[in-house]
């Protein structure tokens, strides 16, 4: 009989732990529950045991919830990570290197918290166990292009951040677009919130709060001397090309959704490329696997169902009534035909 998934809840208030155990009852029929009353206890458990889902308070005596999150993000395999706190993110801003899969303020309906956990767990379950799934769940952000990082650093330094500037950066850098989506979802504090596009994501962010987060730590930049740099830039160029095709004939009110889907449709390939060389896997040569990995990551990082559906089925002729899925399939098909023609001539 397979073991149940392991849910770890961390809070320095015993009454909160007891309440979580009681209120998450239906979910606990499917998972084993462990409660830790301190960050130190939780870190010891994460270092010695396999944990599938982590729910942690933020403000605790050191080590605090951020320390627990950072430890969890480095665990192998890494658990799904949620913050459940009475404190707003601006009270103790987290860093890009340990973004959670959800940040929820107490008191939150236990049903909504359970729904968020189940949704993330289902997304994780869409990928077979192994190094690829571990990499997706453990990932907090993707490396951005050096020029993107320079622009971001300048905006943070000059306090010039704005939603439009963030969206403009993402339109030139698909990895940054993915990071922006994840950041907005992590800070939304709404388990049901999903984003159709990067501009919508950027506009949802509290800019002063974002400024604090980015001052604590910016996303890593692509190492131009690494063996993946050329392919990484090629993936970026391809994603931008597909985004351009998608917005050529899209409805005006859906521009953000269509361009963002183009930018993000191959984020699974970027994840595979980002993995350590010794973790390279057969999925790297399989377009269907790329699509499934992209869709799983986008579900975890807060993309709207229409975007996830389009990305998951991008290499198959659409059978649903999702016009975005049809447009992405057509854009990919036209792009492949053009490349085949160029190669043959």
C-alpha atoms as a PDB file:
ATOM      1  CA  UNK A   1       0.000   0.000   0.000  1.00  0.00           C
ATOM      2  CA  UNK A   2       1.557   3.367  -1.027  1.00  0.00           C
ATOM      3  CA  UNK A   3       2.478   5.795   1.735  1.00  0.00           C
ATOM      4  CA  UNK A   4       0.287   8.830   2.270  1.00  0.00           C
ATOM      5  CA  UNK A   5       1.727  12.237   1.332  1.00  0.00           C
ATOM      6  CA  UNK A   6       3.258  14.063   4.299  1.00  0.00           C
ATOM      7  CA  UNK A   7       1.823  17.465   5.333  1.00  0.00           C
ATOM      8  CA  UNK A   8       3.970  19.532   7.709  1.00  0.00           C
ATOM      9  CA  UNK A   9       2.423  22.539   9.509  1.00  0.00           C
ATOM     10  CA  UNK A  10       4.656  24.952  11.437  1.00  0.00           C
ATOM     11  CA  UNK A  11       3.430  27.525  13.960  1.00  0.00           C
ATOM     12  CA  UNK A  12       4.716  28.635  17.354  1.00  0.00           C
ATOM     13  CA  UNK A  13       1.153  28.896  18.675  1.00  0.00           C
ATOM     14  CA  UNK A  14      -0.144  25.459  19.791  1.00  0.00           C
ATOM     15  CA  UNK A  15      -3.758  26.563  19.361  1.00  0.00           C
ATOM     16  CA  UNK A  16      -3.148  27.356  15.687  1.00  0.00           C
ATOM     17  CA  UNK A  17      -1.590  23.935  15.084  1.00  0.00           C
ATOM     18  CA  UNK A  18      -4.504  22.258  16.834  1.00  0.00           C
ATOM     19  CA  UNK A  19      -6.951  24.309  14.774  1.00  0.00           C
ATOM     20  CA  UNK A  20      -5.192  23.367  11.523  1.00  0.00           C
ATOM     21  CA  UNK A  21      -5.245  19.693  12.396  1.00  0.00           C
ATOM     22  CA  UNK A  22      -8.941  19.906  13.218  1.00  0.00           C
ATOM     23  CA  UNK A  23     -10.064  22.129  10.346  1.00  0.00           C
ATOM     24  CA  UNK A  24      -8.111  20.325   7.627  1.00  0.00           C
ATOM     25  CA  UNK A  25      -9.806  17.066   8.625  1.00  0.00           C
ATOM     26  CA  UNK A  26     -11.079  15.966   5.160  1.00  0.00           C
ATOM     27  CA  UNK A  27      -7.647  16.628   3.628  1.00  0.00           C
ATOM     28  CA  UNK A  28      -5.947  14.678   6.404  1.00  0.00           C
ATOM     29  CA  UNK A  29      -7.841  11.580   5.345  1.00  0.00           C
ATOM     30  CA  UNK A  30      -5.464  11.630   2.358  1.00  0.00           C
ATOM     31  CA  UNK A  31      -2.291  12.930   4.079  1.00  0.00           C
ATOM     32  CA  UNK A  32      -0.247  12.289   7.200  1.00  0.00           C
ATOM     33  CA  UNK A  33      -0.071  15.368   9.428  1.00  0.00           C
ATOM     34  CA  UNK A  34       2.925  16.566  11.449  1.00  0.00           C
ATOM     35  CA  UNK A  35       2.859  19.744  13.526  1.00  0.00           C
ATOM     36  CA  UNK A  36       6.019  21.603  14.567  1.00  0.00           C
ATOM     37  CA  UNK A  37       5.980  24.344  17.193  1.00  0.00           C
ATOM     38  CA  UNK A  38       9.172  26.087  16.068  1.00  0.00           C
ATOM     39  CA  UNK A  39      11.239  26.819  13.000  1.00  0.00           C
ATOM     40  CA  UNK A  40      14.176  24.883  14.426  1.00  0.00           C
ATOM     41  CA  UNK A  41      12.060  21.763  14.867  1.00  0.00           C
ATOM     42  CA  UNK A  42      10.680  22.098  11.345  1.00  0.00           C
ATOM     43  CA  UNK A  43      14.141  22.513   9.802  1.00  0.00           C
ATOM     44  CA  UNK A  44      15.410  19.409  11.605  1.00  0.00           C
ATOM     45  CA  UNK A  45      12.446  17.452  10.253  1.00  0.00           C
ATOM     46  CA  UNK A  46      12.923  18.778   6.701  1.00  0.00           C
ATOM     47  CA  UNK A  47      16.579  17.746   6.809  1.00  0.00           C
ATOM     48  CA  UNK A  48      15.811  14.191   7.881  1.00  0.00           C
ATOM     49  CA  UNK A  49      12.355  13.364   6.470  1.00  0.00           C
ATOM     50  CA  UNK A  50      10.470  13.560   3.197  1.00  0.00           C
ATOM     51  CA  UNK A  51       7.761  16.242   3.238  1.00  0.00           C
ATOM     52  CA  UNK A  52       5.257  16.750   0.416  1.00  0.00           C
ATOM     53  CA  UNK A  53       3.450  19.895   1.595  1.00  0.00           C
ATOM     54  CA  UNK A  54       4.667  22.604   3.984  1.00  0.00           C
ATOM     55  CA  UNK A  55       2.386  25.181   5.621  1.00  0.00           C
ATOM     56  CA  UNK A  56       4.326  27.604   7.807  1.00  0.00           C
ATOM     57  CA  UNK A  57       3.748  30.696   9.904  1.00  0.00           C
ATOM     58  CA  UNK A  58       5.983  33.625   9.017  1.00  0.00           C
ATOM     59  CA  UNK A  59       6.841  35.476  12.237  1.00  0.00           C
ATOM     60  CA  UNK A  60       8.333  33.106  14.775  1.00  0.00           C
ATOM     61  CA  UNK A  61      11.387  33.279  17.033  1.00  0.00           C
ATOM     62  CA  UNK A  62      14.486  32.538  14.900  1.00  0.00           C
ATOM     63  CA  UNK A  63      14.664  30.560  12.735  1.00  0.00           C
ATOM     64  CA  UNK A  64      11.489  32.130  11.338  1.00  0.00           C
ATOM     65  CA  UNK A  65       9.173  31.131   8.525  1.00  0.00           C
ATOM     66  CA  UNK A  66      11.484  32.507   5.841  1.00  0.00           C
ATOM     67  CA  UNK A  67      14.285  30.280   7.133  1.00  0.00           C
ATOM     68  CA  UNK A  68      11.936  27.298   7.029  1.00  0.00           C
ATOM     69  CA  UNK A  69      10.910  28.177   3.452  1.00  0.00           C
ATOM     70  CA  UNK A  70      14.514  28.466   2.328  1.00  0.00           C
ATOM     71  CA  UNK A  71      15.366  25.113   3.872  1.00  0.00           C
ATOM     72  CA  UNK A  72      12.322  23.532   2.210  1.00  0.00           C
ATOM     73  CA  UNK A  73      13.230  24.961  -1.206  1.00  0.00           C
ATOM     74  CA  UNK A  74      16.622  23.244  -0.948  1.00  0.00           C
ATOM     75  CA  UNK A  75      15.243  19.902   0.268  1.00  0.00           C
ATOM     76  CA  UNK A  76      15.270  16.911  -2.047  1.00  0.00           C
ATOM     77  CA  UNK A  77      12.534  16.370  -2.954  1.00  0.00           C
ATOM     78  CA  UNK A  78      11.260  19.854  -2.236  1.00  0.00           C
ATOM     79  CA  UNK A  79       7.744  20.177  -0.795  1.00  0.00           C
ATOM     80  CA  UNK A  80       4.974  22.429  -1.989  1.00  0.00           C
ATOM     81  CA  UNK A  81       5.310  25.558   0.162  1.00  0.00           C
ATOM     82  CA  UNK A  82       2.623  27.773   1.701  1.00  0.00           C
ATOM     83  CA  UNK A  83       2.723  30.675   4.152  1.00  0.00           C
ATOM     84  CA  UNK A  84      -0.183  30.967   6.600  1.00  0.00           C
ATOM     85  CA  UNK A  85       0.382  34.066   8.662  1.00  0.00           C
ATOM     86  CA  UNK A  86      -1.317  36.952  10.447  1.00  0.00           C
ATOM     87  CA  UNK A  87       1.273  39.313   8.950  1.00  0.00           C
ATOM     88  CA  UNK A  88       1.096  41.026   5.592  1.00  0.00           C
ATOM     89  CA  UNK A  89       4.044  40.277   3.249  1.00  0.00           C
ATOM     90  CA  UNK A  90       5.376  43.811   3.725  1.00  0.00           C
ATOM     91  CA  UNK A  91       5.933  43.064   7.443  1.00  0.00           C
ATOM     92  CA  UNK A  92       8.657  40.563   6.598  1.00  0.00           C
ATOM     93  CA  UNK A  93       9.270  40.551   2.836  1.00  0.00           C
ATOM     94  CA  UNK A  94      10.374  37.245   1.402  1.00  0.00           C
ATOM     95  CA  UNK A  95      12.915  36.789  -1.373  1.00  0.00           C
ATOM     96  CA  UNK A  96      12.702  35.608  -4.967  1.00  0.00           C
ATOM     97  CA  UNK A  97      14.870  32.617  -4.036  1.00  0.00           C
ATOM     98  CA  UNK A  98      12.207  31.113  -1.759  1.00  0.00           C
ATOM     99  CA  UNK A  99       8.824  32.181  -3.102  1.00  0.00           C
ATOM    100  CA  UNK A 100       5.957  30.084  -1.730  1.00  0.00           C
ATOM    101  CA  UNK A 101       3.195  28.485  -3.768  1.00  0.00           C
ATOM    102  CA  UNK A 102       0.705  30.571  -1.812  1.00  0.00           C
ATOM    103  CA  UNK A 103       0.638  33.261   0.888  1.00  0.00           C
ATOM    104  CA  UNK A 104      -2.533  33.379   2.971  1.00  0.00           C
ATOM    105  CA  UNK A 105      -3.501  35.649   5.834  1.00  0.00           C
ATOM    106  CA  UNK A 106      -5.059  34.324   9.036  1.00  0.00           C
ATOM    107  CA  UNK A 107      -7.848  33.720   9.532  1.00  0.00           C
ATOM    108  CA  UNK A 108      -8.539  31.970   6.224  1.00  0.00           C
ATOM    109  CA  UNK A 109     -11.392  29.556   5.697  1.00  0.00           C
ATOM    110  CA  UNK A 110      -9.994  26.033   6.212  1.00  0.00           C
ATOM    111  CA  UNK A 111     -11.866  24.968   3.085  1.00  0.00           C
ATOM    112  CA  UNK A 112     -10.006  27.577   1.015  1.00  0.00           C
ATOM    113  CA  UNK A 113      -6.633  26.565   2.466  1.00  0.00           C
ATOM    114  CA  UNK A 114      -7.398  22.909   1.771  1.00  0.00           C
ATOM    115  CA  UNK A 115      -8.490  23.855  -1.752  1.00  0.00           C
ATOM    116  CA  UNK A 116      -5.200  25.663  -2.385  1.00  0.00           C
ATOM    117  CA  UNK A 117      -3.183  22.704  -1.107  1.00  0.00           C
ATOM    118  CA  UNK A 118      -5.187  20.212  -3.166  1.00  0.00           C
ATOM    119  CA  UNK A 119      -4.903  22.312  -6.331  1.00  0.00           C
ATOM    120  CA  UNK A 120      -1.108  22.541  -6.008  1.00  0.00           C
ATOM    121  CA  UNK A 121      -0.883  18.857  -5.154  1.00  0.00           C
ATOM    122  CA  UNK A 122      -2.902  17.955  -8.266  1.00  0.00           C
ATOM    123  CA  UNK A 123      -0.593  20.109 -10.416  1.00  0.00           C
ATOM    124  CA  UNK A 124       2.428  18.335  -8.944  1.00  0.00           C
ATOM    125  CA  UNK A 125       0.755  14.984  -9.591  1.00  0.00           C
ATOM    126  CA  UNK A 126       0.417  15.699 -13.312  1.00  0.00           C
ATOM    127  CA  UNK A 127       4.156  14.987 -13.649  1.00  0.00           C
ATOM    128  CA  UNK A 128       5.593  11.558 -12.877  1.00  0.00           C
ATOM    129  CA  UNK A 129       7.758  11.291  -9.749  1.00  0.00           C
ATOM    130  CA  UNK A 130      11.424  11.898 -10.443  1.00  0.00           C
ATOM    131  CA  UNK A 131      14.018  14.619 -10.938  1.00  0.00           C
ATOM    132  CA  UNK A 132      11.831  16.691 -13.285  1.00  0.00           C
ATOM    133  CA  UNK A 133       8.972  16.937 -10.803  1.00  0.00           C
ATOM    134  CA  UNK A 134      11.398  17.667  -7.978  1.00  0.00           C
ATOM    135  CA  UNK A 135      12.932  20.478 -10.032  1.00  0.00           C
ATOM    136  CA  UNK A 136       9.545  22.020 -10.857  1.00  0.00           C
ATOM    137  CA  UNK A 137       8.302  21.966  -7.262  1.00  0.00           C
ATOM    138  CA  UNK A 138      11.605  23.241  -5.873  1.00  0.00           C
ATOM    139  CA  UNK A 139      11.889  26.065  -8.393  1.00  0.00           C
ATOM    140  CA  UNK A 140      11.167  29.594  -7.153  1.00  0.00           C
ATOM    141  CA  UNK A 141      12.395  31.614 -10.128  1.00  0.00           C
ATOM    142  CA  UNK A 142      14.180  31.210 -13.452  1.00  0.00           C
ATOM    143  CA  UNK A 143      17.369  33.046 -14.463  1.00  0.00           C
ATOM    144  CA  UNK A 144      16.619  36.218 -16.384  1.00  0.00           C
ATOM    145  CA  UNK A 145      18.624  37.762 -19.179  1.00  0.00           C
ATOM    146  CA  UNK A 146      21.496  39.995 -17.966  1.00  0.00           C
ATOM    147  CA  UNK A 147      19.958  43.009 -19.699  1.00  0.00           C
ATOM    148  CA  UNK A 148      16.664  42.373 -17.855  1.00  0.00           C
ATOM    149  CA  UNK A 149      18.480  42.256 -14.540  1.00  0.00           C
ATOM    150  CA  UNK A 150      20.283  45.528 -15.298  1.00  0.00           C
ATOM    151  CA  UNK A 151      16.966  47.236 -16.070  1.00  0.00           C
ATOM    152  CA  UNK A 152      15.390  45.816 -12.926  1.00  0.00           C
ATOM    153  CA  UNK A 153      18.335  46.885 -10.774  1.00  0.00           C
ATOM    154  CA  UNK A 154      18.112  50.406 -12.164  1.00  0.00           C
ATOM    155  CA  UNK A 155      14.377  50.618 -11.493  1.00  0.00           C
ATOM    156  CA  UNK A 156      14.799  49.361  -7.934  1.00  0.00           C
ATOM    157  CA  UNK A 157      17.682  51.762  -7.318  1.00  0.00           C
ATOM    158  CA  UNK A 158      15.764  54.720  -8.754  1.00  0.00           C
ATOM    159  CA  UNK A 159      12.416  53.667  -7.288  1.00  0.00           C
ATOM    160  CA  UNK A 160      11.010  53.657 -10.805  1.00  0.00           C
ATOM    161  CA  UNK A 161       9.159  50.341 -10.675  1.00  0.00           C
ATOM    162  CA  UNK A 162       5.725  50.322 -12.286  1.00  0.00           C
ATOM    163  CA  UNK A 163       3.338  47.713 -13.659  1.00  0.00           C
ATOM    164  CA  UNK A 164       3.851  48.896 -17.243  1.00  0.00           C
ATOM    165  CA  UNK A 165       7.650  48.789 -16.941  1.00  0.00           C
ATOM    166  CA  UNK A 166       7.534  45.290 -15.445  1.00  0.00           C
ATOM    167  CA  UNK A 167       5.267  44.071 -18.246  1.00  0.00           C
ATOM    168  CA  UNK A 168       7.523  45.669 -20.872  1.00  0.00           C
ATOM    169  CA  UNK A 169      10.549  43.830 -19.426  1.00  0.00           C
ATOM    170  CA  UNK A 170       8.649  40.537 -19.462  1.00  0.00           C
ATOM    171  CA  UNK A 171       7.713  40.978 -23.134  1.00  0.00           C
ATOM    172  CA  UNK A 172      11.443  40.808 -23.957  1.00  0.00           C
ATOM    173  CA  UNK A 173      12.284  38.037 -21.480  1.00  0.00           C
ATOM    174  CA  UNK A 174       9.973  34.993 -21.115  1.00  0.00           C
ATOM    175  CA  UNK A 175      11.783  33.807 -17.980  1.00  0.00           C
ATOM    176  CA  UNK A 176      11.072  37.138 -16.321  1.00  0.00           C
ATOM    177  CA  UNK A 177       7.448  36.831 -17.452  1.00  0.00           C
ATOM    178  CA  UNK A 178       7.225  33.490 -15.629  1.00  0.00           C
ATOM    179  CA  UNK A 179       8.855  34.962 -12.512  1.00  0.00           C
ATOM    180  CA  UNK A 180       6.430  37.892 -12.547  1.00  0.00           C
ATOM    181  CA  UNK A 181       3.476  35.504 -12.722  1.00  0.00           C
ATOM    182  CA  UNK A 182       4.808  33.485  -9.788  1.00  0.00           C
ATOM    183  CA  UNK A 183       5.533  36.587  -7.725  1.00  0.00           C
ATOM    184  CA  UNK A 184       2.032  37.982  -8.258  1.00  0.00           C
ATOM    185  CA  UNK A 185       0.423  34.652  -7.394  1.00  0.00           C
ATOM    186  CA  UNK A 186       2.597  34.212  -4.298  1.00  0.00           C
ATOM    187  CA  UNK A 187       1.628  37.667  -3.015  1.00  0.00           C
ATOM    188  CA  UNK A 188      -2.052  37.634  -4.014  1.00  0.00           C
ATOM    189  CA  UNK A 189      -3.276  36.157  -0.685  1.00  0.00           C
ATOM    190  CA  UNK A 190      -6.278  34.739  -2.578  1.00  0.00           C
ATOM    191  CA  UNK A 191      -6.357  30.928  -3.077  1.00  0.00           C
ATOM    192  CA  UNK A 192      -8.723  31.282  -6.028  1.00  0.00           C
ATOM    193  CA  UNK A 193      -6.833  34.023  -7.868  1.00  0.00           C
ATOM    194  CA  UNK A 194      -5.390  33.107 -11.258  1.00  0.00           C
ATOM    195  CA  UNK A 195      -3.786  35.374 -13.853  1.00  0.00           C
ATOM    196  CA  UNK A 196      -4.370  35.454 -17.599  1.00  0.00           C
ATOM    197  CA  UNK A 197      -1.348  37.597 -18.415  1.00  0.00           C
ATOM    198  CA  UNK A 198       1.801  39.309 -17.230  1.00  0.00           C
ATOM    199  CA  UNK A 199       0.304  42.805 -17.340  1.00  0.00           C
ATOM    200  CA  UNK A 200      -2.566  41.645 -15.143  1.00  0.00           C
ATOM    201  CA  UNK A 201       0.028  40.048 -12.836  1.00  0.00           C
ATOM    202  CA  UNK A 202       2.085  43.242 -12.677  1.00  0.00           C
ATOM    203  CA  UNK A 203      -0.955  45.415 -11.984  1.00  0.00           C
ATOM    204  CA  UNK A 204      -1.961  43.186  -9.069  1.00  0.00           C
ATOM    205  CA  UNK A 205       1.309  43.835  -7.253  1.00  0.00           C
ATOM    206  CA  UNK A 206       1.734  46.413  -4.530  1.00  0.00           C
ATOM    207  CA  UNK A 207       4.695  48.351  -5.931  1.00  0.00           C
ATOM    208  CA  UNK A 208       6.150  49.543  -2.569  1.00  0.00           C
ATOM    209  CA  UNK A 209       5.861  45.970  -1.277  1.00  0.00           C
ATOM    210  CA  UNK A 210       7.501  44.655  -4.458  1.00  0.00           C
ATOM    211  CA  UNK A 211      10.285  47.197  -4.050  1.00  0.00           C
ATOM    212  CA  UNK A 212      11.035  45.790  -0.584  1.00  0.00           C
ATOM    213  CA  UNK A 213      11.033  42.225  -1.908  1.00  0.00           C
ATOM    214  CA  UNK A 214      13.410  43.025  -4.773  1.00  0.00           C
ATOM    215  CA  UNK A 215      15.733  45.008  -2.499  1.00  0.00           C
ATOM    216  CA  UNK A 216      16.148  41.837  -0.446  1.00  0.00           C
ATOM    217  CA  UNK A 217      17.110  39.799  -3.481  1.00  0.00           C
ATOM    218  CA  UNK A 218      16.775  40.011  -7.258  1.00  0.00           C
ATOM    219  CA  UNK A 219      16.343  36.968  -9.504  1.00  0.00           C
ATOM    220  CA  UNK A 220      19.545  35.383 -10.753  1.00  0.00           C
ATOM    221  CA  UNK A 221      20.857  36.309 -14.189  1.00  0.00           C
ATOM    222  CA  UNK A 222      21.731  33.883 -16.951  1.00  0.00           C
ATOM    223  CA  UNK A 223      25.431  33.009 -16.870  1.00  0.00           C
ATOM    224  CA  UNK A 224      26.561  33.894 -20.396  1.00  0.00           C
ATOM    225  CA  UNK A 225      29.640  31.695 -20.003  1.00  0.00           C
ATOM    226  CA  UNK A 226      27.586  28.597 -19.221  1.00  0.00           C
ATOM    227  CA  UNK A 227      26.928  25.816 -21.686  1.00  0.00           C
ATOM    228  CA  UNK A 228      23.208  26.600 -21.787  1.00  0.00           C
ATOM    229  CA  UNK A 229      23.402  30.317 -22.620  1.00  0.00           C
ATOM    230  CA  UNK A 230      23.066  29.968 -26.398  1.00  0.00           C
ATOM    231  CA  UNK A 231      20.125  27.552 -26.183  1.00  0.00           C
ATOM    232  CA  UNK A 232      18.523  29.677 -23.452  1.00  0.00           C
ATOM    233  CA  UNK A 233      18.564  32.749 -25.702  1.00  0.00           C
ATOM    234  CA  UNK A 234      17.263  30.652 -28.585  1.00  0.00           C
ATOM    235  CA  UNK A 235      14.306  29.541 -26.447  1.00  0.00           C
ATOM    236  CA  UNK A 236      13.649  33.159 -25.520  1.00  0.00           C
ATOM    237  CA  UNK A 237      13.679  34.222 -29.175  1.00  0.00           C
ATOM    238  CA  UNK A 238      11.318  31.389 -30.095  1.00  0.00           C
ATOM    239  CA  UNK A 239       8.872  32.281 -27.300  1.00  0.00           C
ATOM    240  CA  UNK A 240       8.850  35.935 -28.345  1.00  0.00           C
ATOM    241  CA  UNK A 241       8.242  34.884 -31.947  1.00  0.00           C
ATOM    242  CA  UNK A 242       5.239  32.757 -30.968  1.00  0.00           C
ATOM    243  CA  UNK A 243       3.924  35.626 -28.823  1.00  0.00           C
ATOM    244  CA  UNK A 244       4.163  37.898 -31.850  1.00  0.00           C
ATOM    245  CA  UNK A 245       2.187  35.434 -33.965  1.00  0.00           C
ATOM    246  CA  UNK A 246      -0.508  35.107 -31.297  1.00  0.00           C
ATOM    247  CA  UNK A 247      -1.211  38.828 -30.977  1.00  0.00           C
ATOM    248  CA  UNK A 248      -1.382  39.397 -34.732  1.00  0.00           C
ATOM    249  CA  UNK A 249      -5.083  38.457 -34.899  1.00  0.00           C
ATOM    250  CA  UNK A 250      -6.188  38.159 -31.283  1.00  0.00           C
ATOM    251  CA  UNK A 251      -9.209  40.003 -29.834  1.00  0.00           C
ATOM    252  CA  UNK A 252      -8.130  43.416 -28.543  1.00  0.00           C
ATOM    253  CA  UNK A 253      -9.408  42.677 -25.043  1.00  0.00           C
ATOM    254  CA  UNK A 254      -7.308  39.487 -24.898  1.00  0.00           C
ATOM    255  CA  UNK A 255      -3.933  40.910 -25.934  1.00  0.00           C
ATOM    256  CA  UNK A 256      -2.324  40.380 -22.521  1.00  0.00           C
ATOM    257  CA  UNK A 257      -3.549  36.784 -22.323  1.00  0.00           C
ATOM    258  CA  UNK A 258      -2.396  35.891 -25.835  1.00  0.00           C
ATOM    259  CA  UNK A 259       1.039  37.506 -25.692  1.00  0.00           C
ATOM    260  CA  UNK A 260       1.663  35.995 -22.247  1.00  0.00           C
ATOM    261  CA  UNK A 261       0.690  32.510 -23.430  1.00  0.00           C
ATOM    262  CA  UNK A 262       3.185  32.828 -26.247  1.00  0.00           C
ATOM    263  CA  UNK A 263       5.907  33.964 -23.877  1.00  0.00           C
ATOM    264  CA  UNK A 264       5.208  31.168 -21.384  1.00  0.00           C
ATOM    265  CA  UNK A 265       4.274  28.261 -23.643  1.00  0.00           C
ATOM    266  CA  UNK A 266       7.748  26.672 -23.530  1.00  0.00           C
ATOM    267  CA  UNK A 267       8.684  27.430 -19.918  1.00  0.00           C
ATOM    268  CA  UNK A 268       8.973  23.644 -19.357  1.00  0.00           C
ATOM    269  CA  UNK A 269      11.958  23.528 -21.710  1.00  0.00           C
ATOM    270  CA  UNK A 270      13.558  26.343 -19.746  1.00  0.00           C
ATOM    271  CA  UNK A 271      13.057  24.331 -16.551  1.00  0.00           C
ATOM    272  CA  UNK A 272      14.732  21.307 -18.114  1.00  0.00           C
ATOM    273  CA  UNK A 273      17.593  23.441 -19.372  1.00  0.00           C
ATOM    274  CA  UNK A 274      17.960  25.005 -15.931  1.00  0.00           C
ATOM    275  CA  UNK A 275      18.368  21.600 -14.258  1.00  0.00           C
ATOM    276  CA  UNK A 276      21.878  20.456 -13.346  1.00  0.00           C
ATOM    277  CA  UNK A 277      23.675  18.631 -16.166  1.00  0.00           C
ATOM    278  CA  UNK A 278      23.722  15.374 -14.208  1.00  0.00           C
ATOM    279  CA  UNK A 279      19.929  15.522 -13.934  1.00  0.00           C
ATOM    280  CA  UNK A 280      19.258  15.663 -17.681  1.00  0.00           C
ATOM    281  CA  UNK A 281      16.356  13.356 -18.542  1.00  0.00           C
ATOM    282  CA  UNK A 282      14.559  11.828 -21.571  1.00  0.00           C
ATOM    283  CA  UNK A 283      11.812  14.486 -21.352  1.00  0.00           C
ATOM    284  CA  UNK A 284      14.221  16.999 -22.898  1.00  0.00           C
ATOM    285  CA  UNK A 285      13.723  15.506 -26.367  1.00  0.00           C
ATOM    286  CA  UNK A 286       9.942  15.076 -26.116  1.00  0.00           C
ATOM    287  CA  UNK A 287       7.715  18.020 -27.173  1.00  0.00           C
ATOM    288  CA  UNK A 288       4.666  16.508 -25.438  1.00  0.00           C
ATOM    289  CA  UNK A 289       6.670  16.269 -22.218  1.00  0.00           C
ATOM    290  CA  UNK A 290       7.732  19.910 -22.617  1.00  0.00           C
ATOM    291  CA  UNK A 291       4.075  20.902 -22.862  1.00  0.00           C
ATOM    292  CA  UNK A 292       3.043  18.858 -19.818  1.00  0.00           C
ATOM    293  CA  UNK A 293       5.905  20.280 -17.740  1.00  0.00           C
ATOM    294  CA  UNK A 294       5.107  23.825 -18.861  1.00  0.00           C
ATOM    295  CA  UNK A 295       1.443  23.376 -17.950  1.00  0.00           C
ATOM    296  CA  UNK A 296       2.258  21.913 -14.531  1.00  0.00           C
ATOM    297  CA  UNK A 297       4.600  24.775 -13.665  1.00  0.00           C
ATOM    298  CA  UNK A 298       2.104  27.388 -14.843  1.00  0.00           C
ATOM    299  CA  UNK A 299      -0.610  25.799 -12.680  1.00  0.00           C
ATOM    300  CA  UNK A 300       1.708  25.975  -9.676  1.00  0.00           C
ATOM    301  CA  UNK A 301       2.651  29.577 -10.463  1.00  0.00           C
ATOM    302  CA  UNK A 302      -0.906  30.866 -10.857  1.00  0.00           C
ATOM    303  CA  UNK A 303      -1.759  30.912 -14.568  1.00  0.00           C
ATOM    304  CA  UNK A 304      -5.440  30.954 -15.531  1.00  0.00           C
ATOM    305  CA  UNK A 305      -7.030  27.636 -16.647  1.00  0.00           C
ATOM    306  CA  UNK A 306      -7.408  28.899 -20.240  1.00  0.00           C
ATOM    307  CA  UNK A 307      -3.650  29.504 -20.439  1.00  0.00           C
ATOM    308  CA  UNK A 308      -2.767  26.162 -18.819  1.00  0.00           C
ATOM    309  CA  UNK A 309      -5.123  24.288 -21.163  1.00  0.00           C
ATOM    310  CA  UNK A 310      -3.675  25.968 -24.237  1.00  0.00           C
ATOM    311  CA  UNK A 311      -0.083  25.244 -23.185  1.00  0.00           C
ATOM    312  CA  UNK A 312      -0.821  21.616 -22.258  1.00  0.00           C
ATOM    313  CA  UNK A 313      -2.361  20.875 -25.662  1.00  0.00           C
ATOM    314  CA  UNK A 314      -0.159  23.042 -27.862  1.00  0.00           C
ATOM    315  CA  UNK A 315       1.071  20.110 -30.002  1.00  0.00           C
ATOM    316  CA  UNK A 316      -2.368  18.556 -30.503  1.00  0.00           C
ATOM    317  CA  UNK A 317      -5.225  19.775 -32.647  1.00  0.00           C
ATOM    318  CA  UNK A 318      -7.631  21.409 -30.147  1.00  0.00           C
ATOM    319  CA  UNK A 319     -10.955  19.709 -29.472  1.00  0.00           C
ATOM    320  CA  UNK A 320     -12.226  22.175 -26.847  1.00  0.00           C
ATOM    321  CA  UNK A 321     -13.847  25.544 -27.435  1.00  0.00           C
ATOM    322  CA  UNK A 322     -10.798  27.414 -26.132  1.00  0.00           C
ATOM    323  CA  UNK A 323      -9.843  29.905 -28.878  1.00  0.00           C
ATOM    324  CA  UNK A 324      -6.495  30.524 -27.194  1.00  0.00           C
ATOM    325  CA  UNK A 325      -5.627  26.814 -27.517  1.00  0.00           C
ATOM    326  CA  UNK A 326      -6.497  26.909 -31.227  1.00  0.00           C
ATOM    327  CA  UNK A 327      -4.401  30.032 -31.739  1.00  0.00           C
ATOM    328  CA  UNK A 328      -1.342  28.581 -29.958  1.00  0.00           C
ATOM    329  CA  UNK A 329      -1.570  25.317 -31.891  1.00  0.00           C
ATOM    330  CA  UNK A 330      -1.794  27.247 -35.166  1.00  0.00           C
ATOM    331  CA  UNK A 331       1.113  29.525 -34.235  1.00  0.00           C
ATOM    332  CA  UNK A 332       3.329  26.562 -33.387  1.00  0.00           C
ATOM    333  CA  UNK A 333       2.290  24.777 -36.591  1.00  0.00           C
ATOM    334  CA  UNK A 334       3.035  27.802 -38.775  1.00  0.00           C
ATOM    335  CA  UNK A 335       6.361  28.337 -37.062  1.00  0.00           C
ATOM    336  CA  UNK A 336       7.381  24.717 -37.637  1.00  0.00           C
ATOM    337  CA  UNK A 337       6.404  24.933 -41.320  1.00  0.00           C
ATOM    338  CA  UNK A 338       8.498  28.060 -41.812  1.00  0.00           C
ATOM    339  CA  UNK A 339      11.522  26.504 -40.141  1.00  0.00           C
ATOM    340  CA  UNK A 340      11.146  23.322 -42.191  1.00  0.00           C
ATOM    341  CA  UNK A 341      10.985  25.407 -45.380  1.00  0.00           C
ATOM    342  CA  UNK A 342      14.064  27.435 -44.408  1.00  0.00           C
ATOM    343  CA  UNK A 343      15.992  24.242 -43.668  1.00  0.00           C
ATOM    344  CA  UNK A 344      14.985  22.591 -46.968  1.00  0.00           C
ATOM    345  CA  UNK A 345      16.035  25.624 -49.023  1.00  0.00           C
END
